Structure formats: structure tokens, C-alpha cells
Amino acid sequence: QKRGTTESKNEVIVRGPGGDENSRIVLGAYGKGTSPVMDGSALGADAAAFWFGHRTLPLGYVDVYSFVIHTSRGINSENGGHHLRIVDCDVSKCWDNAGIFLKDVYDGSDISLHNEILNVVSHDNNSNEFHGIKSAAGATLRNCKTYNNGANGISAFTNCLIDHCYAYRNIWGLETQ
């Protein structure tokens, strides 16, 4: 999406299988100016700014760069999105459990999904029990900031690396399992 623009009529849905380690799918800002905005206020309650995967076909190797996302289901992966990379995004006023919600089931097994969430701010996802970032197993969260969320700032699961992240003014700070 072009920098300095706002998208308010469509969500981005990317179904599996996605890219591969040598050929990633890249969704990012281009041109000069401010980060593009994905404004979900005109979308239905089931819409996400970015929706990855499908219940029967997980998605992998997708990058999302430099978006402002608000008033939607945020960034959401369905059933084991793997090798997803979310970079330099600002996510707020979202629902469906978290501003960024990377679900953790892949073919019924508990495996590392190798997702990366880097330099992301997730804030004001403040309905009851909504997290800033909720990540599947095996993720790397680096240089992220979460605040004013209705539950945990960061909820991360098995074998996650959390490096230089800040969680403040959330109902709870950090949940790990």
C-alpha cells in the first residue's frame, strides 16, 4: 500500500500455503511519507486488517512491513501460520483476543512456528481480556512495546524469545507458558 494512504474498505486475506524460504510474500509500504493505514472501522466484526492462513491450510513465509492498523481484528493468523514476520507496525483498538494474534495449532501438534514480531507497538486493544501481542510457540519478539491493553501486554508460549520488549499500563504485563 502506498505511504500516506488509508484503506478502509477491504481486509487483506492471504490463504496458504504462502511463500517459501527462498521466495517470501511481502506486504509492505512503498513510496515516501507516513506509514499507510489499515482502518477497519467500516469493516464487519469478523474482518482483520491482515488475515493469514485458513483452518485447513496454514500459511508460511509472509512479511508485513510498516503499517498502522486499527479498529479491526488486527493481524491474525489461522491455525499455525509459520515463518511470519511482522515489522515496524503500530496496532491499536483491535479485538479478537489481541492486536496481533498468531494462533498456535499446526496439524494438531505443538511445534515451533518460527514467527518474528519486530519493532511493533500494540496498544489500546482495551476490551476485556484482549492482549497487545499473543504469539504462538517458537516466536521471536524483539524491540516491541505494548501498553493500555485489556489483558497481557505480551502473551507468549513455548520456546519464545522476548528481547528488549516493554509491556506497561496493561491489566497484566507478560504471560509465558
C-alpha atoms as a PDB file:
ATOM      1  CA  GLN A   1       0.000   0.000   0.000  1.00  0.00           C
ATOM      2  CA  LYS A   2       1.271   3.443  -0.828  1.00  0.00           C
ATOM      3  CA  ARG A   3       2.589   5.525   2.071  1.00  0.00           C
ATOM      4  CA  GLY A   4       0.301   8.340   3.169  1.00  0.00           C
ATOM      5  CA  THR A   5      -2.890   6.474   2.176  1.00  0.00           C
ATOM      6  CA  THR A   6      -5.724   4.857   4.154  1.00  0.00           C
ATOM      7  CA  GLU A   7      -7.509   1.627   3.265  1.00  0.00           C
ATOM      8  CA  SER A   8     -10.899   1.310   4.947  1.00  0.00           C
ATOM      9  CA  LYS A   9     -12.994  -0.883   2.647  1.00  0.00           C
ATOM     10  CA  ASN A  10     -11.035  -4.136   2.389  1.00  0.00           C
ATOM     11  CA  GLU A  11      -9.152  -6.568   4.539  1.00  0.00           C
ATOM     12  CA  VAL A  12      -6.086  -8.410   3.262  1.00  0.00           C
ATOM     13  CA  ILE A  13      -6.637 -12.175   3.249  1.00  0.00           C
ATOM     14  CA  VAL A  14      -3.722 -14.407   2.299  1.00  0.00           C
ATOM     15  CA  ARG A  15      -4.554 -18.131   2.132  1.00  0.00           C
ATOM     16  CA  GLY A  16      -1.989 -20.922   2.310  1.00  0.00           C
ATOM     17  CA  PRO A  17       0.429 -22.256   1.517  1.00  0.00           C
ATOM     18  CA  GLY A  18       2.187 -18.894   1.009  1.00  0.00           C
ATOM     19  CA  GLY A  19       5.814 -18.423   0.054  1.00  0.00           C
ATOM     20  CA  ASP A  20       8.865 -20.456   0.907  1.00  0.00           C
ATOM     21  CA  GLU A  21      12.240 -19.769   2.490  1.00  0.00           C
ATOM     22  CA  ASN A  22      13.675 -18.528  -0.821  1.00  0.00           C
ATOM     23  CA  SER A  23      10.615 -16.630  -2.016  1.00  0.00           C
ATOM     24  CA  ARG A  24       8.685 -14.830   0.744  1.00  0.00           C
ATOM     25  CA  ILE A  25       5.420 -12.956   0.158  1.00  0.00           C
ATOM     26  CA  VAL A  26       5.971  -9.308   1.123  1.00  0.00           C
ATOM     27  CA  LEU A  27       3.155  -6.918   2.052  1.00  0.00           C
ATOM     28  CA  GLY A  28       4.658  -3.521   2.719  1.00  0.00           C
ATOM     29  CA  ALA A  29       4.568   0.206   2.358  1.00  0.00           C
ATOM     30  CA  TYR A  30       6.065   1.835  -0.715  1.00  0.00           C
ATOM     31  CA  GLY A  31       6.818   5.408  -1.708  1.00  0.00           C
ATOM     32  CA  LYS A  32       7.518   8.357   0.569  1.00  0.00           C
ATOM     33  CA  GLY A  33       5.532   9.678   3.507  1.00  0.00           C
ATOM     34  CA  THR A  34       3.837   8.272   6.576  1.00  0.00           C
ATOM     35  CA  SER A  35       3.048   4.601   7.063  1.00  0.00           C
ATOM     36  CA  PRO A  36      -0.143   3.507   5.297  1.00  0.00           C
ATOM     37  CA  VAL A  37      -3.207   2.998   7.485  1.00  0.00           C
ATOM     38  CA  MET A  38      -5.487  -0.036   7.546  1.00  0.00           C
ATOM     39  CA  ASP A  39      -8.667   1.375   9.139  1.00  0.00           C
ATOM     40  CA  GLY A  40     -11.158  -1.380   9.916  1.00  0.00           C
ATOM     41  CA  SER A  41     -13.891   0.844  11.326  1.00  0.00           C
ATOM     42  CA  ALA A  42     -16.085   0.320   8.235  1.00  0.00           C
ATOM     43  CA  LEU A  43     -15.486  -3.440   8.092  1.00  0.00           C
ATOM     44  CA  GLY A  44     -17.607  -6.110   9.736  1.00  0.00           C
ATOM     45  CA  ALA A  45     -16.837  -7.608  13.145  1.00  0.00           C
ATOM     46  CA  ASP A  46     -15.150 -10.637  11.581  1.00  0.00           C
ATOM     47  CA  ALA A  47     -12.703  -8.650   9.457  1.00  0.00           C
ATOM     48  CA  ALA A  48      -8.983  -8.353  10.157  1.00  0.00           C
ATOM     49  CA  ALA A  49      -6.608  -5.861   8.581  1.00  0.00           C
ATOM     50  CA  PHE A  50      -4.408  -8.853   7.734  1.00  0.00           C
ATOM     51  CA  TRP A  51      -5.708 -12.420   7.904  1.00  0.00           C
ATOM     52  CA  PHE A  52      -3.227 -15.213   7.207  1.00  0.00           C
ATOM     53  CA  GLY A  53      -3.914 -18.865   6.550  1.00  0.00           C
ATOM     54  CA  HIS A  54      -7.004 -20.999   6.704  1.00  0.00           C
ATOM     55  CA  ARG A  55      -8.327 -23.607   9.098  1.00  0.00           C
ATOM     56  CA  THR A  56      -7.157 -26.421   6.824  1.00  0.00           C
ATOM     57  CA  LEU A  57      -4.202 -24.803   5.036  1.00  0.00           C
ATOM     58  CA  PRO A  58      -1.665 -22.930   7.199  1.00  0.00           C
ATOM     59  CA  LEU A  59       0.302 -20.118   5.628  1.00  0.00           C
ATOM     60  CA  GLY A  60       4.033 -19.538   5.767  1.00  0.00           C
ATOM     61  CA  TYR A  61       6.796 -17.167   4.761  1.00  0.00           C
ATOM     62  CA  VAL A  62       4.921 -13.858   4.681  1.00  0.00           C
ATOM     63  CA  ASP A  63       6.330 -10.449   5.713  1.00  0.00           C
ATOM     64  CA  VAL A  64       4.237  -7.421   6.757  1.00  0.00           C
ATOM     65  CA  TYR A  65       6.134  -4.113   6.918  1.00  0.00           C
ATOM     66  CA  SER A  66       5.326  -0.596   8.137  1.00  0.00           C
ATOM     67  CA  PHE A  67       1.557  -0.375   8.599  1.00  0.00           C
ATOM     68  CA  VAL A  68      -0.676   1.457  11.059  1.00  0.00           C
ATOM     69  CA  ILE A  69      -3.582  -0.870  11.833  1.00  0.00           C
ATOM     70  CA  HIS A  70      -6.645  -0.014  13.921  1.00  0.00           C
ATOM     71  CA  THR A  71     -10.285  -0.821  14.604  1.00  0.00           C
ATOM     72  CA  SER A  72     -10.368  -4.358  13.236  1.00  0.00           C
ATOM     73  CA  ARG A  73      -9.261  -7.855  14.222  1.00  0.00           C
ATOM     74  CA  GLY A  74      -5.693  -6.591  13.726  1.00  0.00           C
ATOM     75  CA  ILE A  75      -3.144  -9.067  12.413  1.00  0.00           C
ATOM     76  CA  ASN A  76      -4.471 -12.587  12.763  1.00  0.00           C
ATOM     77  CA  SER A  77      -3.111 -15.950  11.673  1.00  0.00           C
ATOM     78  CA  GLU A  78      -5.291 -19.011  11.481  1.00  0.00           C
ATOM     79  CA  ASN A  79      -4.128 -22.386  12.781  1.00  0.00           C
ATOM     80  CA  GLY A  80      -0.384 -22.381  12.657  1.00  0.00           C
ATOM     81  CA  GLY A  81       0.795 -19.559  10.444  1.00  0.00           C
ATOM     82  CA  HIS A  82       4.543 -20.164  10.328  1.00  0.00           C
ATOM     83  CA  HIS A  83       7.599 -18.113   9.387  1.00  0.00           C
ATOM     84  CA  LEU A  84       5.506 -14.924   9.513  1.00  0.00           C
ATOM     85  CA  ARG A  85       7.457 -11.695  10.012  1.00  0.00           C
ATOM     86  CA  ILE A  86       5.687  -8.541  11.265  1.00  0.00           C
ATOM     87  CA  VAL A  87       7.941  -5.465  11.282  1.00  0.00           C
ATOM     88  CA  ASP A  88       7.525  -1.765  12.162  1.00  0.00           C
ATOM     89  CA  CYS A  89       3.746  -1.831  12.623  1.00  0.00           C
ATOM     90  CA  ASP A  90       1.523   0.133  15.027  1.00  0.00           C
ATOM     91  CA  VAL A  91      -1.604  -1.833  16.018  1.00  0.00           C
ATOM     92  CA  SER A  92      -4.440  -0.405  18.146  1.00  0.00           C
ATOM     93  CA  LYS A  93      -8.160  -0.590  19.018  1.00  0.00           C
ATOM     94  CA  CYS A  94      -8.431  -4.203  17.839  1.00  0.00           C
ATOM     95  CA  TRP A  95     -10.472  -7.169  19.021  1.00  0.00           C
ATOM     96  CA  ASP A  96     -10.400 -10.988  18.724  1.00  0.00           C
ATOM     97  CA  ASN A  97      -8.120 -11.701  21.648  1.00  0.00           C
ATOM     98  CA  ALA A  98      -5.182  -9.447  20.673  1.00  0.00           C
ATOM     99  CA  GLY A  99      -3.962  -6.699  18.378  1.00  0.00           C
ATOM    100  CA  ILE A 100      -1.590  -9.296  16.937  1.00  0.00           C
ATOM    101  CA  PHE A 101      -2.882 -12.850  17.377  1.00  0.00           C
ATOM    102  CA  LEU A 102      -0.781 -15.680  15.964  1.00  0.00           C
ATOM    103  CA  LYS A 103      -2.663 -18.877  16.702  1.00  0.00           C
ATOM    104  CA  ASP A 104      -0.616 -21.853  17.799  1.00  0.00           C
ATOM    105  CA  VAL A 105      -2.061 -25.059  16.377  1.00  0.00           C
ATOM    106  CA  TYR A 106      -0.427 -26.619  13.335  1.00  0.00           C
ATOM    107  CA  ASP A 107      -1.626 -30.049  12.212  1.00  0.00           C
ATOM    108  CA  GLY A 108      -2.652 -30.777  15.806  1.00  0.00           C
ATOM    109  CA  SER A 109       0.930 -30.697  17.050  1.00  0.00           C
ATOM    110  CA  ASP A 110       2.820 -28.343  19.352  1.00  0.00           C
ATOM    111  CA  ILE A 111       5.746 -27.246  17.198  1.00  0.00           C
ATOM    112  CA  SER A 112       7.870 -24.147  16.799  1.00  0.00           C
ATOM    113  CA  LEU A 113       6.369 -21.869  14.210  1.00  0.00           C
ATOM    114  CA  HIS A 114       9.363 -19.502  13.807  1.00  0.00           C
ATOM    115  CA  ASN A 115       7.359 -16.276  13.625  1.00  0.00           C
ATOM    116  CA  GLU A 116       9.047 -12.911  14.189  1.00  0.00           C
ATOM    117  CA  ILE A 117       7.456  -9.763  15.618  1.00  0.00           C
ATOM    118  CA  LEU A 118       9.976  -6.937  15.380  1.00  0.00           C
ATOM    119  CA  ASN A 119       9.767  -3.232  16.299  1.00  0.00           C
ATOM    120  CA  VAL A 120       5.993  -3.404  16.768  1.00  0.00           C
ATOM    121  CA  VAL A 121       3.805  -1.236  19.011  1.00  0.00           C
ATOM    122  CA  SER A 122       0.467  -2.743  20.073  1.00  0.00           C
ATOM    123  CA  HIS A 123      -1.709  -0.540  22.284  1.00  0.00           C
ATOM    124  CA  ASP A 124      -5.220   0.343  23.383  1.00  0.00           C
ATOM    125  CA  ASN A 125      -6.650  -3.060  22.491  1.00  0.00           C
ATOM    126  CA  ASN A 126      -8.621  -2.466  25.623  1.00  0.00           C
ATOM    127  CA  SER A 127     -11.729  -4.557  25.583  1.00  0.00           C
ATOM    128  CA  ASN A 128     -11.752  -7.043  28.445  1.00  0.00           C
ATOM    129  CA  GLU A 129      -9.145  -9.774  28.050  1.00  0.00           C
ATOM    130  CA  PHE A 130      -7.565  -8.506  24.823  1.00  0.00           C
ATOM    131  CA  HIS A 131      -3.776  -8.718  24.673  1.00  0.00           C
ATOM    132  CA  GLY A 132      -1.326  -6.482  22.877  1.00  0.00           C
ATOM    133  CA  ILE A 133       0.535  -9.409  21.302  1.00  0.00           C
ATOM    134  CA  LYS A 134      -0.422 -13.078  21.633  1.00  0.00           C
ATOM    135  CA  SER A 135       2.141 -15.309  19.989  1.00  0.00           C
ATOM    136  CA  ALA A 136       2.365 -18.970  19.077  1.00  0.00           C
ATOM    137  CA  ALA A 137       5.223 -21.241  20.124  1.00  0.00           C
ATOM    138  CA  GLY A 138       8.756 -20.592  18.927  1.00  0.00           C
ATOM    139  CA  ALA A 139       8.372 -16.890  18.105  1.00  0.00           C
ATOM    140  CA  THR A 140      10.906 -14.099  18.423  1.00  0.00           C
ATOM    141  CA  LEU A 141       9.599 -10.799  19.810  1.00  0.00           C
ATOM    142  CA  ARG A 142      12.233  -8.081  19.605  1.00  0.00           C
ATOM    143  CA  ASN A 143      12.054  -4.350  20.367  1.00  0.00           C
ATOM    144  CA  CYS A 144       8.278  -4.392  20.844  1.00  0.00           C
ATOM    145  CA  LYS A 145       6.184  -2.139  23.046  1.00  0.00           C
ATOM    146  CA  THR A 146       2.702  -2.889  24.410  1.00  0.00           C
ATOM    147  CA  TYR A 147       0.573  -0.603  26.574  1.00  0.00           C
ATOM    148  CA  ASN A 148      -3.025   0.145  27.601  1.00  0.00           C
ATOM    149  CA  ASN A 149      -4.277  -3.332  26.654  1.00  0.00           C
ATOM    150  CA  GLY A 150      -7.203  -5.031  28.407  1.00  0.00           C
ATOM    151  CA  ALA A 151      -5.181  -8.140  29.370  1.00  0.00           C
ATOM    152  CA  ASN A 152      -1.495  -9.062  28.966  1.00  0.00           C
ATOM    153  CA  GLY A 153       0.773  -6.746  27.097  1.00  0.00           C
ATOM    154  CA  ILE A 154       2.554  -9.828  25.763  1.00  0.00           C
ATOM    155  CA  SER A 155       1.314 -13.412  25.911  1.00  0.00           C
ATOM    156  CA  ALA A 156       3.965 -15.775  24.535  1.00  0.00           C
ATOM    157  CA  PHE A 157       4.185 -19.541  24.600  1.00  0.00           C
ATOM    158  CA  THR A 158       6.693 -22.398  24.465  1.00  0.00           C
ATOM    159  CA  ASN A 159      10.235 -21.553  23.342  1.00  0.00           C
ATOM    160  CA  CYS A 160       9.647 -17.878  22.570  1.00  0.00           C
ATOM    161  CA  LEU A 161      12.485 -15.356  22.679  1.00  0.00           C
ATOM    162  CA  ILE A 162      11.438 -11.994  24.108  1.00  0.00           C
ATOM    163  CA  ASP A 163      14.237  -9.451  23.666  1.00  0.00           C
ATOM    164  CA  HIS A 164      14.142  -5.752  24.595  1.00  0.00           C
ATOM    165  CA  CYS A 165      10.347  -5.589  24.787  1.00  0.00           C
ATOM    166  CA  TYR A 166       8.342  -3.335  27.086  1.00  0.00           C
ATOM    167  CA  ALA A 167       4.887  -4.011  28.484  1.00  0.00           C
ATOM    168  CA  TYR A 168       3.341  -1.298  30.662  1.00  0.00           C
ATOM    169  CA  ARG A 169      -0.071   0.038  31.723  1.00  0.00           C
ATOM    170  CA  ASN A 170      -1.742  -3.226  30.638  1.00  0.00           C
ATOM    171  CA  ILE A 171      -4.003  -5.155  33.020  1.00  0.00           C
ATOM    172  CA  TRP A 172      -1.107  -7.649  33.263  1.00  0.00           C
ATOM    173  CA  GLY A 173       2.377  -7.404  31.825  1.00  0.00           C
ATOM    174  CA  LEU A 174       3.792 -10.651  30.474  1.00  0.00           C
ATOM    175  CA  GLU A 175       2.357 -14.166  30.301  1.00  0.00           C
ATOM    176  CA  THR A 176       4.545 -17.113  29.332  1.00  0.00           C
ATOM    177  CA  GLN A 177       3.819 -20.821  29.270  1.00  0.00           C
END
